[in-house]
N, C-alpha and C. Protein backbone atom coordinates (compact mmCIF):
# COMPACT_ATOMS: atom_id res chain seq x y z
N UNK A 1 -34.62 36.70 -2.49
CA UNK A 1 -33.79 35.71 -1.83
C UNK A 1 -34.22 34.48 -2.21
N UNK A 2 -35.22 34.14 -2.80
CA UNK A 2 -35.65 32.87 -3.18
C UNK A 2 -34.84 32.42 -4.58
N UNK A 3 -34.33 33.47 -5.39
CA UNK A 3 -34.06 33.31 -6.72
C UNK A 3 -32.60 32.69 -6.25
N UNK A 4 -32.01 33.20 -5.25
CA UNK A 4 -30.62 32.75 -4.86
C UNK A 4 -30.62 31.45 -4.42
N UNK A 5 -31.39 31.10 -3.54
CA UNK A 5 -31.57 29.80 -3.20
C UNK A 5 -31.88 28.70 -4.24
N UNK A 6 -32.68 28.92 -5.25
CA UNK A 6 -32.57 28.15 -6.47
C UNK A 6 -31.58 28.13 -7.38
N UNK A 7 -30.57 29.28 -7.38
CA UNK A 7 -29.70 29.12 -8.35
C UNK A 7 -28.50 28.25 -7.37
N UNK A 8 -28.46 28.44 -6.23
CA UNK A 8 -27.59 27.78 -5.43
C UNK A 8 -27.76 26.26 -5.47
N UNK A 9 -28.83 25.84 -5.54
CA UNK A 9 -29.37 24.39 -5.69
C UNK A 9 -29.10 23.70 -7.05
N UNK A 10 -29.25 24.63 -8.03
CA UNK A 10 -28.72 23.91 -9.43
C UNK A 10 -27.34 23.26 -9.39
N UNK A 11 -26.22 23.94 -9.09
CA UNK A 11 -25.00 23.44 -9.26
C UNK A 11 -24.88 21.85 -8.42
N UNK A 12 -25.52 21.91 -7.27
CA UNK A 12 -25.52 20.75 -6.51
C UNK A 12 -26.05 19.58 -7.28
N UNK A 13 -27.33 19.65 -7.93
CA UNK A 13 -27.98 18.74 -8.80
C UNK A 13 -27.17 18.29 -9.95
N UNK A 14 -26.52 19.39 -10.63
CA UNK A 14 -25.63 18.99 -11.79
C UNK A 14 -24.26 18.24 -11.28
N UNK A 15 -23.82 18.78 -10.15
CA UNK A 15 -22.60 17.88 -9.96
C UNK A 15 -22.84 16.74 -9.37
N UNK A 16 -23.92 16.24 -8.89
CA UNK A 16 -24.30 14.77 -8.67
C UNK A 16 -24.35 13.93 -9.76
N UNK A 17 -24.73 14.53 -10.99
CA UNK A 17 -24.90 13.96 -12.26
C UNK A 17 -23.50 13.41 -12.94
N UNK A 18 -22.59 14.26 -12.54
CA UNK A 18 -21.11 14.21 -13.05
C UNK A 18 -20.39 12.77 -12.27
N UNK A 19 -20.23 11.92 -12.92
CA UNK A 19 -19.21 10.82 -12.13
C UNK A 19 -18.10 11.42 -11.47
N UNK A 20 -17.41 10.86 -10.46
CA UNK A 20 -16.22 11.25 -10.07
C UNK A 20 -15.16 10.20 -10.58
N UNK A 21 -14.15 10.81 -11.51
CA UNK A 21 -13.13 9.94 -11.92
C UNK A 21 -11.96 10.01 -11.05
N UNK A 22 -11.45 8.63 -11.09
CA UNK A 22 -10.25 8.45 -10.31
C UNK A 22 -9.02 8.15 -11.06
N UNK A 23 -7.81 8.50 -10.86
CA UNK A 23 -6.64 7.95 -11.48
C UNK A 23 -6.40 6.41 -11.16
N UNK A 24 -5.44 5.94 -11.89
CA UNK A 24 -4.90 4.40 -11.33
C UNK A 24 -4.17 4.36 -9.85
N UNK A 25 -3.49 5.52 -9.68
CA UNK A 25 -3.04 5.71 -8.47
C UNK A 25 -3.85 5.85 -7.42
N UNK A 26 -5.06 6.67 -7.42
CA UNK A 26 -6.31 6.80 -6.32
C UNK A 26 -6.74 5.32 -6.32
N UNK A 27 -7.11 4.85 -7.45
CA UNK A 27 -7.87 3.19 -7.14
C UNK A 27 -6.78 2.36 -6.48
N UNK A 28 -5.65 2.51 -6.99
CA UNK A 28 -4.71 1.42 -6.17
C UNK A 28 -4.72 1.72 -4.66
N UNK A 29 -4.80 3.10 -4.33
CA UNK A 29 -4.89 3.42 -2.67
C UNK A 29 -6.13 2.80 -2.35
N UNK A 30 -7.13 3.01 -2.90
CA UNK A 30 -8.44 2.79 -2.23
C UNK A 30 -8.64 1.23 -2.34
N UNK A 31 -8.16 0.62 -3.22
CA UNK A 31 -8.22 -1.03 -3.08
C UNK A 31 -7.28 -1.56 -2.40
N UNK A 32 -6.02 -0.97 -2.09
CA UNK A 32 -5.08 -1.39 -1.43
C UNK A 32 -4.03 -2.52 -2.10
N UNK A 33 -4.04 -2.10 -3.41
CA UNK A 33 -3.20 -2.89 -4.28
C UNK A 33 -2.20 -2.19 -4.98
N UNK A 34 -1.43 -2.85 -5.94
CA UNK A 34 -0.12 -1.86 -6.67
C UNK A 34 -0.82 -1.54 -7.71
N UNK A 35 -0.43 -0.28 -8.40
CA UNK A 35 -0.86 0.47 -9.34
C UNK A 35 -0.82 -0.56 -10.65
N UNK A 36 0.34 -1.54 -10.76
CA UNK A 36 0.18 -2.61 -11.77
C UNK A 36 -0.91 -3.34 -11.82
N UNK A 37 -1.38 -3.64 -10.74
CA UNK A 37 -2.50 -4.60 -10.62
C UNK A 37 -3.71 -3.69 -11.17
N UNK A 38 -3.86 -2.57 -10.90
CA UNK A 38 -4.87 -1.75 -11.23
C UNK A 38 -4.91 -1.91 -12.95
N UNK A 39 -3.67 -1.99 -13.84
CA UNK A 39 -3.92 -1.89 -14.86
C UNK A 39 -4.04 -3.59 -15.29
N UNK A 40 -3.71 -4.43 -14.65
CA UNK A 40 -4.12 -5.72 -15.02
C UNK A 40 -5.42 -5.86 -15.15
N UNK A 41 -6.09 -5.37 -13.92
CA UNK A 41 -7.59 -5.43 -13.97
C UNK A 41 -8.37 -4.87 -14.74
N UNK A 42 -7.81 -3.62 -15.44
CA UNK A 42 -8.33 -2.85 -16.59
C UNK A 42 -8.21 -3.78 -17.69
N UNK A 43 -6.86 -4.18 -18.08
CA UNK A 43 -6.76 -5.07 -19.14
C UNK A 43 -7.64 -6.59 -19.29
N UNK A 44 -7.70 -7.19 -18.24
CA UNK A 44 -8.58 -8.45 -18.03
C UNK A 44 -10.09 -8.09 -18.12
N UNK A 45 -10.43 -6.77 -18.19
CA UNK A 45 -11.76 -6.26 -18.16
C UNK A 45 -12.84 -6.44 -17.02
N UNK A 46 -11.73 -6.73 -15.83
CA UNK A 46 -12.46 -6.71 -14.59
C UNK A 46 -12.91 -5.53 -14.05
N UNK A 47 -12.26 -4.59 -14.55
CA UNK A 47 -12.61 -3.10 -14.01
C UNK A 47 -12.65 -2.14 -15.27
N UNK A 48 -13.83 -1.56 -15.37
CA UNK A 48 -14.03 -0.73 -16.35
C UNK A 48 -13.14 0.76 -16.24
N UNK A 49 -12.71 1.23 -17.39
CA UNK A 49 -12.01 2.35 -17.13
C UNK A 49 -12.23 3.16 -18.73
N UNK A 50 -11.79 4.30 -18.62
CA UNK A 50 -12.00 5.34 -19.92
C UNK A 50 -10.38 5.70 -20.10
N UNK A 51 -9.76 5.42 -21.36
CA UNK A 51 -8.52 5.84 -21.69
C UNK A 51 -8.57 7.39 -22.03
N UNK A 52 -8.07 8.16 -21.38
CA UNK A 52 -8.18 9.83 -21.55
C UNK A 52 -6.86 10.10 -22.11
N UNK A 53 -5.66 9.36 -22.44
CA UNK A 53 -4.57 9.67 -23.10
C UNK A 53 -4.82 9.66 -24.59
N UNK A 54 -3.59 10.07 -25.29
CA UNK A 54 -3.57 10.20 -26.69
C UNK A 54 -3.45 9.03 -27.25
N UNK A 55 -3.90 8.95 -28.72
CA UNK A 55 -4.03 7.69 -29.39
C UNK A 55 -2.41 7.42 -29.77
N UNK A 56 -2.11 6.00 -29.42
CA UNK A 56 -0.67 5.51 -29.80
C UNK A 56 0.27 5.99 -28.74
N UNK A 57 -0.24 6.50 -27.52
CA UNK A 57 0.81 6.89 -26.48
C UNK A 57 0.34 6.01 -25.38
N UNK A 58 1.14 5.90 -24.39
CA UNK A 58 0.67 4.94 -23.28
C UNK A 58 -0.70 5.41 -22.42
N UNK A 59 -1.44 4.23 -22.17
CA UNK A 59 -2.73 4.75 -21.62
C UNK A 59 -2.64 5.42 -20.42
N UNK A 60 -3.85 6.40 -20.40
CA UNK A 60 -3.86 7.06 -19.36
C UNK A 60 -5.40 6.98 -18.61
N UNK A 61 -5.57 6.06 -17.71
CA UNK A 61 -7.03 5.71 -17.54
C UNK A 61 -7.56 6.52 -16.36
N UNK A 62 -8.81 6.61 -16.50
CA UNK A 62 -9.64 7.01 -15.35
C UNK A 62 -10.70 6.09 -15.06
N UNK A 63 -11.15 6.00 -13.86
CA UNK A 63 -12.05 5.13 -13.31
C UNK A 63 -12.76 5.78 -12.48
N UNK A 64 -14.41 5.38 -12.93
CA UNK A 64 -15.53 5.98 -12.28
C UNK A 64 -15.50 5.36 -10.83
N UNK A 65 -15.89 6.49 -9.88
CA UNK A 65 -15.98 6.17 -8.16
C UNK A 65 -16.91 4.99 -8.26
N UNK A 66 -18.01 4.98 -8.80
CA UNK A 66 -19.01 4.08 -9.00
C UNK A 66 -18.46 2.53 -9.45
N UNK A 67 -17.75 2.50 -10.35
CA UNK A 67 -17.18 1.17 -10.67
C UNK A 67 -16.21 0.54 -9.74
N UNK A 68 -15.59 1.40 -8.78
CA UNK A 68 -14.82 0.72 -7.88
C UNK A 68 -15.76 0.38 -6.57
N UNK A 69 -16.89 1.05 -6.43
CA UNK A 69 -17.78 0.62 -5.47
C UNK A 69 -18.48 -0.82 -6.32
N UNK A 70 -18.78 -0.75 -7.41
CA UNK A 70 -19.36 -1.94 -8.23
C UNK A 70 -18.02 -3.27 -7.79
N UNK A 71 -16.90 -2.84 -8.19
CA UNK A 71 -16.01 -3.93 -8.20
C UNK A 71 -16.01 -4.43 -6.64
N UNK A 72 -15.90 -3.62 -5.60
CA UNK A 72 -15.75 -4.20 -4.38
C UNK A 72 -17.09 -4.87 -3.95
N UNK A 73 -18.17 -4.36 -4.43
CA UNK A 73 -19.55 -4.95 -4.02
C UNK A 73 -19.54 -6.44 -4.53
N UNK A 74 -19.03 -6.83 -5.95
CA UNK A 74 -19.16 -8.09 -6.59
C UNK A 74 -17.94 -8.89 -5.90
N UNK A 75 -17.19 -8.52 -5.13
CA UNK A 75 -16.12 -9.29 -4.75
C UNK A 75 -14.77 -9.42 -5.54
N UNK A 76 -14.53 -8.37 -6.04
CA UNK A 76 -13.38 -8.48 -6.94
C UNK A 76 -13.31 -8.31 -8.55
N UNK A 77 -14.72 -8.02 -8.68
CA UNK A 77 -15.03 -8.01 -10.22
C UNK A 77 -15.26 -9.35 -10.98
N UNK A 78 -15.39 -10.21 -10.20
CA UNK A 78 -15.52 -11.36 -11.15
C UNK A 78 -17.04 -11.18 -11.74
N UNK A 79 -17.02 -11.67 -13.20
CA UNK A 79 -18.36 -11.70 -13.87
C UNK A 79 -19.26 -12.58 -13.62
N UNK A 80 -20.56 -12.47 -13.53
CA UNK A 80 -21.73 -13.44 -13.41
C UNK A 80 -21.37 -14.56 -14.26
N UNK A 81 -21.22 -14.18 -15.52
CA UNK A 81 -20.98 -15.11 -16.66
C UNK A 81 -19.84 -16.12 -16.36
N UNK A 82 -18.81 -15.77 -15.78
CA UNK A 82 -17.45 -16.51 -15.53
C UNK A 82 -17.90 -17.46 -14.38
N UNK A 83 -18.61 -17.12 -13.39
CA UNK A 83 -19.13 -18.04 -12.32
C UNK A 83 -20.21 -19.06 -12.76
N UNK A 84 -20.89 -18.87 -14.07
CA UNK A 84 -21.87 -19.77 -14.47
C UNK A 84 -21.08 -20.81 -15.06
C-alpha cells in the first residue's frame, strides 16, 4: 500500500514543475484587456511569451501563468530600468 502512495505523490511533484501556459485569449480575460492589447504588450517586451507557431506564420503565443502574476505584481509590466 505504501508503494501506491509514493507513486501517487510523484505526478503531483512533476506537475508542479511544469508551468501552466495560457493563450492570448486567456491572458486577455485574466487581465480584463483586449486580445490585441496582449499582443502589443508582448511586442513591447512588457509581457514575456513563447511563440509556439510555425516559422513564418502568424505568431501563436503562450504565456506562463507566473509571468501574468509578475506582470500584475509590478503594476503593468513596467521595467525597473525604465523607471530609473
